[in-house]
Amino acid sequence: MYKGNQEVLVNDTLNLLRGKLVRFILEDGDMRMIANLVATADELGLEYDPEKMVYRDVKAREARAKSRAQLAKELEPGLNAIFGMEYAQHDPNLSPEEKAAAKKQAAKQRRESKKAEEAREAKRLETNRKAREKYHAKKKKGKANGSKARKTSS
């Protein structure tokens, strides 16, 4: 079972027992439930948060925080590569001068990528034009050689 779900079950059981305690209806089975609850919390390594009155898995939260930081560290170069300087202009750590320079760089990259895209499109159109000419030249050549009409047998 997922450890997060176990944390929820521990806290739900704790709330159930609190409700019974407030209504003064604790039974013998509830005492065993309290013992099992404490054992489970120890086994899972949960820590009690007296402010919110719940058990928390502090180690898992720290691991998630570290993994997010690690993930951000791994993703940032890729994001910069994909979005280029456009991504950098929104960085809160940059000074206004650096943001202005990043904006100029982004505009330059956009112009260059637009030119490259136009060049690729022109090359594609030229290739298609040549292919059409070649196709129609073959078609005319076949008719020019005196292709005979198909005879039908009667």
C-alpha atoms as a PDB file:
ATOM      1  CA  MET A   1       0.000   0.000   0.000  1.00  0.00           C
ATOM      2  CA  TYR A   2       1.195   3.515  -0.808  1.00  0.00           C
ATOM      3  CA  LYS A   3       2.744   5.135   2.237  1.00  0.00           C
ATOM      4  CA  GLY A   4       0.705   8.321   1.753  1.00  0.00           C
ATOM      5  CA  ASN A   5      -2.479   6.255   1.999  1.00  0.00           C
ATOM      6  CA  GLN A   6      -1.202   4.660   5.201  1.00  0.00           C
ATOM      7  CA  GLU A   7      -0.611   8.126   6.652  1.00  0.00           C
ATOM      8  CA  VAL A   8      -4.222   9.032   5.815  1.00  0.00           C
ATOM      9  CA  LEU A   9      -5.500   5.846   7.459  1.00  0.00           C
ATOM     10  CA  VAL A  10      -3.493   6.531  10.625  1.00  0.00           C
ATOM     11  CA  ASN A  11      -4.896  10.063  10.817  1.00  0.00           C
ATOM     12  CA  ASP A  12      -8.455   8.880  10.134  1.00  0.00           C
ATOM     13  CA  THR A  13      -8.161   6.308  12.901  1.00  0.00           C
ATOM     14  CA  LEU A  14      -6.768   8.958  15.225  1.00  0.00           C
ATOM     15  CA  ASN A  15      -9.744  11.217  14.494  1.00  0.00           C
ATOM     16  CA  LEU A  16     -12.186   8.355  15.086  1.00  0.00           C
ATOM     17  CA  LEU A  17     -10.636   7.648  18.464  1.00  0.00           C
ATOM     18  CA  ARG A  18     -10.685  11.348  19.356  1.00  0.00           C
ATOM     19  CA  GLY A  19     -14.399  11.451  18.601  1.00  0.00           C
ATOM     20  CA  LYS A  20     -15.062   8.440  20.801  1.00  0.00           C
ATOM     21  CA  LEU A  21     -12.961   9.924  23.590  1.00  0.00           C
ATOM     22  CA  VAL A  22     -14.919  13.193  23.485  1.00  0.00           C
ATOM     23  CA  ARG A  23     -18.205  11.270  23.697  1.00  0.00           C
ATOM     24  CA  PHE A  24     -16.824   9.036  26.500  1.00  0.00           C
ATOM     25  CA  ILE A  25     -17.579   5.805  24.625  1.00  0.00           C
ATOM     26  CA  LEU A  26     -14.143   4.197  24.415  1.00  0.00           C
ATOM     27  CA  GLU A  27     -14.354   0.404  24.554  1.00  0.00           C
ATOM     28  CA  ASP A  28     -11.867  -2.417  25.129  1.00  0.00           C
ATOM     29  CA  GLY A  29     -11.364  -2.842  21.385  1.00  0.00           C
ATOM     30  CA  ASP A  30     -10.513   0.822  21.117  1.00  0.00           C
ATOM     31  CA  MET A  31      -7.630   0.397  23.552  1.00  0.00           C
ATOM     32  CA  ARG A  32      -6.191  -2.277  21.215  1.00  0.00           C
ATOM     33  CA  MET A  33      -6.763   0.125  18.306  1.00  0.00           C
ATOM     34  CA  ILE A  34      -4.768   2.818  20.116  1.00  0.00           C
ATOM     35  CA  ALA A  35      -1.913   0.372  20.709  1.00  0.00           C
ATOM     36  CA  ASN A  36      -1.971  -0.659  17.026  1.00  0.00           C
ATOM     37  CA  LEU A  37      -2.112   2.979  15.950  1.00  0.00           C
ATOM     38  CA  VAL A  38       0.985   3.851  17.978  1.00  0.00           C
ATOM     39  CA  ALA A  39       2.825   0.764  16.670  1.00  0.00           C
ATOM     40  CA  THR A  40       1.888   1.584  13.060  1.00  0.00           C
ATOM     41  CA  ALA A  41       2.967   5.218  13.426  1.00  0.00           C
ATOM     42  CA  ASP A  42       6.330   4.062  14.799  1.00  0.00           C
ATOM     43  CA  GLU A  43       6.713   1.460  12.057  1.00  0.00           C
ATOM     44  CA  LEU A  44       5.988   4.003   9.314  1.00  0.00           C
ATOM     45  CA  GLY A  45       8.258   6.601  10.891  1.00  0.00           C
ATOM     46  CA  LEU A  46       5.452   9.138  11.218  1.00  0.00           C
ATOM     47  CA  GLU A  47       5.895  12.138  13.510  1.00  0.00           C
ATOM     48  CA  TYR A  48       3.038  13.722  15.405  1.00  0.00           C
ATOM     49  CA  ASP A  49       2.337  17.368  14.600  1.00  0.00           C
ATOM     50  CA  PRO A  50       0.758  18.793  17.782  1.00  0.00           C
ATOM     51  CA  GLU A  51      -0.211  22.044  16.073  1.00  0.00           C
ATOM     52  CA  LYS A  52      -2.391  20.349  13.450  1.00  0.00           C
ATOM     53  CA  MET A  53      -2.981  17.256  15.624  1.00  0.00           C
ATOM     54  CA  VAL A  54      -2.069  14.759  12.874  1.00  0.00           C
ATOM     55  CA  TYR A  55       0.757  12.387  12.032  1.00  0.00           C
ATOM     56  CA  ARG A  56       3.088  13.552   9.242  1.00  0.00           C
ATOM     57  CA  ASP A  57       5.655  11.686   7.184  1.00  0.00           C
ATOM     58  CA  VAL A  58       8.423  14.283   7.403  1.00  0.00           C
ATOM     59  CA  LYS A  59      11.041  12.161   5.614  1.00  0.00           C
ATOM     60  CA  ALA A  60       8.826  11.653   2.561  1.00  0.00           C
ATOM     61  CA  ARG A  61       8.069  15.381   2.386  1.00  0.00           C
ATOM     62  CA  GLU A  62      11.793  16.183   2.524  1.00  0.00           C
ATOM     63  CA  ALA A  63      12.491  13.577  -0.163  1.00  0.00           C
ATOM     64  CA  ARG A  64       9.809  15.112  -2.406  1.00  0.00           C
ATOM     65  CA  ALA A  65      11.258  18.568  -1.861  1.00  0.00           C
ATOM     66  CA  LYS A  66      14.729  17.337  -2.754  1.00  0.00           C
ATOM     67  CA  SER A  67      13.441  15.531  -5.807  1.00  0.00           C
ATOM     68  CA  ARG A  68      11.626  18.685  -6.984  1.00  0.00           C
ATOM     69  CA  ALA A  69      14.810  20.691  -6.601  1.00  0.00           C
ATOM     70  CA  GLN A  70      16.742  17.997  -8.443  1.00  0.00           C
ATOM     71  CA  LEU A  71      14.089  17.860 -11.159  1.00  0.00           C
ATOM     72  CA  ALA A  72      14.195  21.631 -11.589  1.00  0.00           C
ATOM     73  CA  LYS A  73      17.984  21.481 -11.818  1.00  0.00           C
ATOM     74  CA  GLU A  74      17.740  18.817 -14.527  1.00  0.00           C
ATOM     75  CA  LEU A  75      14.973  20.527 -16.493  1.00  0.00           C
ATOM     76  CA  GLU A  76      16.299  24.088 -16.561  1.00  0.00           C
ATOM     77  CA  PRO A  77      18.951  23.551 -19.282  1.00  0.00           C
ATOM     78  CA  GLY A  78      16.367  21.808 -21.462  1.00  0.00           C
ATOM     79  CA  LEU A  79      13.844  24.589 -20.968  1.00  0.00           C
ATOM     80  CA  ASN A  80      16.472  27.145 -21.894  1.00  0.00           C
ATOM     81  CA  ALA A  81      17.318  25.123 -24.991  1.00  0.00           C
ATOM     82  CA  ILE A  82      13.663  24.840 -26.027  1.00  0.00           C
ATOM     83  CA  PHE A  83      12.525  28.369 -25.261  1.00  0.00           C
ATOM     84  CA  GLY A  84      15.876  30.056 -25.545  1.00  0.00           C
ATOM     85  CA  MET A  85      16.178  33.537 -24.167  1.00  0.00           C
ATOM     86  CA  GLU A  86      12.377  33.919 -24.061  1.00  0.00           C
ATOM     87  CA  TYR A  87      12.431  31.765 -20.935  1.00  0.00           C
ATOM     88  CA  ALA A  88      15.265  33.797 -19.430  1.00  0.00           C
ATOM     89  CA  GLN A  89      13.402  37.119 -19.738  1.00  0.00           C
ATOM     90  CA  HIS A  90      10.928  35.970 -17.104  1.00  0.00           C
ATOM     91  CA  ASP A  91      13.575  34.931 -14.606  1.00  0.00           C
ATOM     92  CA  PRO A  92      12.919  36.881 -11.377  1.00  0.00           C
ATOM     93  CA  ASN A  93      16.625  36.807 -10.473  1.00  0.00           C
ATOM     94  CA  LEU A  94      17.689  38.934 -13.462  1.00  0.00           C
ATOM     95  CA  SER A  95      18.264  42.670 -13.255  1.00  0.00           C
ATOM     96  CA  PRO A  96      16.279  44.975 -15.601  1.00  0.00           C
ATOM     97  CA  GLU A  97      19.363  45.407 -17.826  1.00  0.00           C
ATOM     98  CA  GLU A  98      19.799  41.639 -18.107  1.00  0.00           C
ATOM     99  CA  LYS A  99      16.091  41.239 -18.900  1.00  0.00           C
ATOM    100  CA  ALA A 100      16.350  43.865 -21.656  1.00  0.00           C
ATOM    101  CA  ALA A 101      19.393  42.070 -23.096  1.00  0.00           C
ATOM    102  CA  ALA A 102      17.542  38.750 -22.920  1.00  0.00           C
ATOM    103  CA  LYS A 103      14.560  40.311 -24.713  1.00  0.00           C
ATOM    104  CA  LYS A 104      16.825  41.590 -27.521  1.00  0.00           C
ATOM    105  CA  GLN A 105      18.491  38.184 -27.769  1.00  0.00           C
ATOM    106  CA  ALA A 106      15.084  36.479 -27.949  1.00  0.00           C
ATOM    107  CA  ALA A 107      13.958  38.805 -30.739  1.00  0.00           C
ATOM    108  CA  LYS A 108      17.168  38.062 -32.647  1.00  0.00           C
ATOM    109  CA  GLN A 109      16.651  34.317 -32.213  1.00  0.00           C
ATOM    110  CA  ARG A 110      13.057  34.642 -33.452  1.00  0.00           C
ATOM    111  CA  ARG A 111      14.205  36.501 -36.574  1.00  0.00           C
ATOM    112  CA  GLU A 112      16.895  33.894 -37.249  1.00  0.00           C
ATOM    113  CA  SER A 113      14.504  30.979 -36.740  1.00  0.00           C
ATOM    114  CA  LYS A 114      11.933  32.674 -39.014  1.00  0.00           C
ATOM    115  CA  LYS A 115      14.578  33.061 -41.743  1.00  0.00           C
ATOM    116  CA  ALA A 116      15.620  29.436 -41.330  1.00  0.00           C
ATOM    117  CA  GLU A 117      11.980  28.313 -41.521  1.00  0.00           C
ATOM    118  CA  GLU A 118      11.448  30.370 -44.681  1.00  0.00           C
ATOM    119  CA  ALA A 119      14.584  28.838 -46.221  1.00  0.00           C
ATOM    120  CA  ARG A 120      13.359  25.301 -45.384  1.00  0.00           C
ATOM    121  CA  GLU A 121       9.954  26.088 -46.883  1.00  0.00           C
ATOM    122  CA  ALA A 122      11.549  27.514 -50.059  1.00  0.00           C
ATOM    123  CA  LYS A 123      13.710  24.394 -50.392  1.00  0.00           C
ATOM    124  CA  ARG A 124      10.663  22.156 -49.918  1.00  0.00           C
ATOM    125  CA  LEU A 125       8.680  24.063 -52.560  1.00  0.00           C
ATOM    126  CA  GLU A 126      11.598  23.899 -55.016  1.00  0.00           C
ATOM    127  CA  THR A 127      11.946  20.135 -54.472  1.00  0.00           C
ATOM    128  CA  ASN A 128       8.215  19.686 -55.085  1.00  0.00           C
ATOM    129  CA  ARG A 129       8.373  21.839 -58.245  1.00  0.00           C
ATOM    130  CA  LYS A 130      11.239  19.750 -59.634  1.00  0.00           C
ATOM    131  CA  ALA A 131       9.406  16.525 -58.824  1.00  0.00           C
ATOM    132  CA  ARG A 132       6.277  17.765 -60.629  1.00  0.00           C
ATOM    133  CA  GLU A 133       8.316  18.787 -63.678  1.00  0.00           C
ATOM    134  CA  LYS A 134      10.006  15.384 -63.754  1.00  0.00           C
ATOM    135  CA  TYR A 135       6.653  13.597 -63.411  1.00  0.00           C
ATOM    136  CA  HIS A 136       5.022  15.611 -66.209  1.00  0.00           C
ATOM    137  CA  ALA A 137       8.105  15.213 -68.441  1.00  0.00           C
ATOM    138  CA  LYS A 138       7.854  11.425 -68.133  1.00  0.00           C
ATOM    139  CA  LYS A 139       4.154  11.581 -68.863  1.00  0.00           C
ATOM    140  CA  LYS A 140       4.717  13.666 -72.043  1.00  0.00           C
ATOM    141  CA  LYS A 141       7.592  11.404 -73.102  1.00  0.00           C
ATOM    142  CA  GLY A 142       5.316   8.364 -72.963  1.00  0.00           C
ATOM    143  CA  LYS A 143       2.737  10.071 -75.207  1.00  0.00           C
ATOM    144  CA  ALA A 144       5.427  11.361 -77.579  1.00  0.00           C
ATOM    145  CA  ASN A 145       6.752   7.821 -78.210  1.00  0.00           C
ATOM    146  CA  GLY A 146       3.508   6.904 -79.887  1.00  0.00           C
ATOM    147  CA  SER A 147       1.804   4.931 -77.201  1.00  0.00           C
ATOM    148  CA  LYS A 148      -0.873   2.954 -78.848  1.00  0.00           C
ATOM    149  CA  ALA A 149      -4.384   2.825 -77.591  1.00  0.00           C
ATOM    150  CA  ARG A 150      -5.389  -0.407 -76.014  1.00  0.00           C
ATOM    151  CA  LYS A 151      -7.171  -2.709 -78.333  1.00  0.00           C
ATOM    152  CA  THR A 152     -10.270  -4.398 -77.161  1.00  0.00           C
ATOM    153  CA  SER A 153     -11.098  -7.878 -78.287  1.00  0.00           C
ATOM    154  CA  SER A 154     -14.500  -8.458 -79.720  1.00  0.00           C
END
